[in-house]
């Protein structure tokens, strides 16, 4: 993936989209192997039993996206060590926020 981006064959957003779809489908395959096709279908169609769980999942998704976006934007503007520090800080904030929402 890095080679595709380095050669300017595709944009970062294209790589993120491809990666997201691949991880989503791999997650469905892993659930199918572990729990069967019915459970996999529920995962792939984003069905949950509790609305609270759905809200938490959406929150975590947005927070993770914000963290990833921050680190990739920072790679364009600052050095690697600062970018990693920003990424770690956003991950800590995301975890703290999701932990507080769980209680």
C-alpha atoms as a PDB file:
ATOM      1  CA  UNK A   1       0.000   0.000   0.000  1.00  0.00           C
ATOM      2  CA  UNK A   2       2.796   2.404   0.861  1.00  0.00           C
ATOM      3  CA  UNK A   3       4.416   1.770  -2.512  1.00  0.00           C
ATOM      4  CA  UNK A   4       1.156   2.639  -4.312  1.00  0.00           C
ATOM      5  CA  UNK A   5       0.997   5.922  -2.424  1.00  0.00           C
ATOM      6  CA  UNK A   6       4.712   6.649  -2.848  1.00  0.00           C
ATOM      7  CA  UNK A   7       4.423   6.166  -6.614  1.00  0.00           C
ATOM      8  CA  UNK A   8       1.378   8.499  -6.604  1.00  0.00           C
ATOM      9  CA  UNK A   9      -0.686   5.756  -8.229  1.00  0.00           C
ATOM     10  CA  UNK A  10      -3.483   6.343  -5.711  1.00  0.00           C
ATOM     11  CA  UNK A  11      -4.306   8.969  -3.100  1.00  0.00           C
ATOM     12  CA  UNK A  12      -4.222   8.467   0.658  1.00  0.00           C
ATOM     13  CA  UNK A  13      -8.005   8.616   0.786  1.00  0.00           C
ATOM     14  CA  UNK A  14      -8.257   5.811  -1.768  1.00  0.00           C
ATOM     15  CA  UNK A  15      -5.903   3.664   0.301  1.00  0.00           C
ATOM     16  CA  UNK A  16      -7.877   4.384   3.483  1.00  0.00           C
ATOM     17  CA  UNK A  17     -11.109   3.449   1.739  1.00  0.00           C
ATOM     18  CA  UNK A  18      -9.664   0.217   0.339  1.00  0.00           C
ATOM     19  CA  UNK A  19      -8.187  -0.654   3.731  1.00  0.00           C
ATOM     20  CA  UNK A  20     -11.463   0.077   5.520  1.00  0.00           C
ATOM     21  CA  UNK A  21     -13.477  -2.122   3.177  1.00  0.00           C
ATOM     22  CA  UNK A  22     -10.896  -4.913   3.395  1.00  0.00           C
ATOM     23  CA  UNK A  23     -10.892  -4.834   7.217  1.00  0.00           C
ATOM     24  CA  UNK A  24     -14.709  -4.730   7.294  1.00  0.00           C
ATOM     25  CA  UNK A  25     -14.968  -7.801   5.041  1.00  0.00           C
ATOM     26  CA  UNK A  26     -12.204  -9.640   6.907  1.00  0.00           C
ATOM     27  CA  UNK A  27     -14.064  -8.999  10.151  1.00  0.00           C
ATOM     28  CA  UNK A  28     -17.177 -10.580   8.601  1.00  0.00           C
ATOM     29  CA  UNK A  29     -15.165 -13.616   7.485  1.00  0.00           C
ATOM     30  CA  UNK A  30     -13.636 -14.050  10.938  1.00  0.00           C
ATOM     31  CA  UNK A  31     -17.042 -13.875  12.599  1.00  0.00           C
ATOM     32  CA  UNK A  32     -18.398 -16.400  10.067  1.00  0.00           C
ATOM     33  CA  UNK A  33     -15.551 -18.797  10.840  1.00  0.00           C
ATOM     34  CA  UNK A  34     -16.019 -18.384  14.585  1.00  0.00           C
ATOM     35  CA  UNK A  35     -19.790 -18.014  15.042  1.00  0.00           C
ATOM     36  CA  UNK A  36     -21.445 -18.949  11.750  1.00  0.00           C
ATOM     37  CA  UNK A  37     -23.039 -17.202   8.817  1.00  0.00           C
ATOM     38  CA  UNK A  38     -25.986 -15.753  10.737  1.00  0.00           C
ATOM     39  CA  UNK A  39     -23.692 -13.925  13.150  1.00  0.00           C
ATOM     40  CA  UNK A  40     -21.543 -12.780  10.250  1.00  0.00           C
ATOM     41  CA  UNK A  41     -24.574 -11.375   8.453  1.00  0.00           C
ATOM     42  CA  UNK A  42     -25.511  -9.410  11.591  1.00  0.00           C
ATOM     43  CA  UNK A  43     -21.981  -8.009  11.766  1.00  0.00           C
ATOM     44  CA  UNK A  44     -21.852  -7.093   8.081  1.00  0.00           C
ATOM     45  CA  UNK A  45     -25.246  -5.386   8.215  1.00  0.00           C
ATOM     46  CA  UNK A  46     -24.263  -3.585  11.439  1.00  0.00           C
ATOM     47  CA  UNK A  47     -27.138  -5.011  13.471  1.00  0.00           C
ATOM     48  CA  UNK A  48     -26.857  -4.804  17.249  1.00  0.00           C
ATOM     49  CA  UNK A  49     -29.279  -5.720  20.029  1.00  0.00           C
ATOM     50  CA  UNK A  50     -28.892  -2.529  22.006  1.00  0.00           C
ATOM     51  CA  UNK A  51     -29.106   1.051  20.741  1.00  0.00           C
ATOM     52  CA  UNK A  52     -26.544   2.052  23.366  1.00  0.00           C
ATOM     53  CA  UNK A  53     -24.013  -0.329  21.818  1.00  0.00           C
ATOM     54  CA  UNK A  54     -24.705   1.132  18.399  1.00  0.00           C
ATOM     55  CA  UNK A  55     -24.098   4.681  19.658  1.00  0.00           C
ATOM     56  CA  UNK A  56     -20.854   3.589  21.311  1.00  0.00           C
ATOM     57  CA  UNK A  57     -19.682   1.909  18.128  1.00  0.00           C
ATOM     58  CA  UNK A  58     -20.449   5.006  16.065  1.00  0.00           C
ATOM     59  CA  UNK A  59     -18.665   7.221  18.612  1.00  0.00           C
ATOM     60  CA  UNK A  60     -15.590   4.991  18.602  1.00  0.00           C
ATOM     61  CA  UNK A  61     -15.580   4.933  14.810  1.00  0.00           C
ATOM     62  CA  UNK A  62     -15.698   8.716  14.538  1.00  0.00           C
ATOM     63  CA  UNK A  63     -13.062   9.136  17.248  1.00  0.00           C
ATOM     64  CA  UNK A  64     -10.762   6.618  15.573  1.00  0.00           C
ATOM     65  CA  UNK A  65     -11.245   8.297  12.216  1.00  0.00           C
ATOM     66  CA  UNK A  66     -10.359  11.637  13.768  1.00  0.00           C
ATOM     67  CA  UNK A  67      -7.199  10.151  15.265  1.00  0.00           C
ATOM     68  CA  UNK A  68      -6.122   8.561  12.004  1.00  0.00           C
ATOM     69  CA  UNK A  69      -6.852  11.759  10.119  1.00  0.00           C
ATOM     70  CA  UNK A  70      -4.772  13.747  12.591  1.00  0.00           C
ATOM     71  CA  UNK A  71      -1.748  11.520  12.231  1.00  0.00           C
ATOM     72  CA  UNK A  72      -1.904  11.463   8.451  1.00  0.00           C
ATOM     73  CA  UNK A  73      -2.312  15.220   8.227  1.00  0.00           C
ATOM     74  CA  UNK A  74       0.514  15.659  10.676  1.00  0.00           C
ATOM     75  CA  UNK A  75       2.821  13.530   8.512  1.00  0.00           C
ATOM     76  CA  UNK A  76       2.408  16.219   5.893  1.00  0.00           C
ATOM     77  CA  UNK A  77       3.301  19.072   8.255  1.00  0.00           C
ATOM     78  CA  UNK A  78       5.535  17.887  11.109  1.00  0.00           C
ATOM     79  CA  UNK A  79       8.238  15.343  11.806  1.00  0.00           C
ATOM     80  CA  UNK A  80       7.588  11.691  12.633  1.00  0.00           C
ATOM     81  CA  UNK A  81       8.136  11.877  16.401  1.00  0.00           C
ATOM     82  CA  UNK A  82       5.621  14.723  16.770  1.00  0.00           C
ATOM     83  CA  UNK A  83       3.135  12.882  14.575  1.00  0.00           C
ATOM     84  CA  UNK A  84       3.419   9.773  16.739  1.00  0.00           C
ATOM     85  CA  UNK A  85       2.965  11.874  19.889  1.00  0.00           C
ATOM     86  CA  UNK A  86      -0.219  13.426  18.454  1.00  0.00           C
ATOM     87  CA  UNK A  87      -1.497  10.007  17.458  1.00  0.00           C
ATOM     88  CA  UNK A  88      -0.884   8.603  20.930  1.00  0.00           C
ATOM     89  CA  UNK A  89      -2.600  11.587  22.538  1.00  0.00           C
ATOM     90  CA  UNK A  90      -5.676  11.215  20.337  1.00  0.00           C
ATOM     91  CA  UNK A  91      -5.811   7.476  21.097  1.00  0.00           C
ATOM     92  CA  UNK A  92      -5.650   8.137  24.852  1.00  0.00           C
ATOM     93  CA  UNK A  93      -8.438  10.709  24.550  1.00  0.00           C
ATOM     94  CA  UNK A  94     -10.530   8.268  22.508  1.00  0.00           C
ATOM     95  CA  UNK A  95     -10.066   5.506  25.068  1.00  0.00           C
ATOM     96  CA  UNK A  96     -10.879   7.805  27.967  1.00  0.00           C
ATOM     97  CA  UNK A  97     -14.005   9.073  26.243  1.00  0.00           C
ATOM     98  CA  UNK A  98     -15.206   5.571  25.366  1.00  0.00           C
ATOM     99  CA  UNK A  99     -14.494   4.339  28.909  1.00  0.00           C
ATOM    100  CA  UNK A 100     -16.501   7.184  30.415  1.00  0.00           C
ATOM    101  CA  UNK A 101     -19.391   6.432  28.047  1.00  0.00           C
ATOM    102  CA  UNK A 102     -19.361   2.755  29.079  1.00  0.00           C
ATOM    103  CA  UNK A 103     -20.184   3.606  32.693  1.00  0.00           C
END
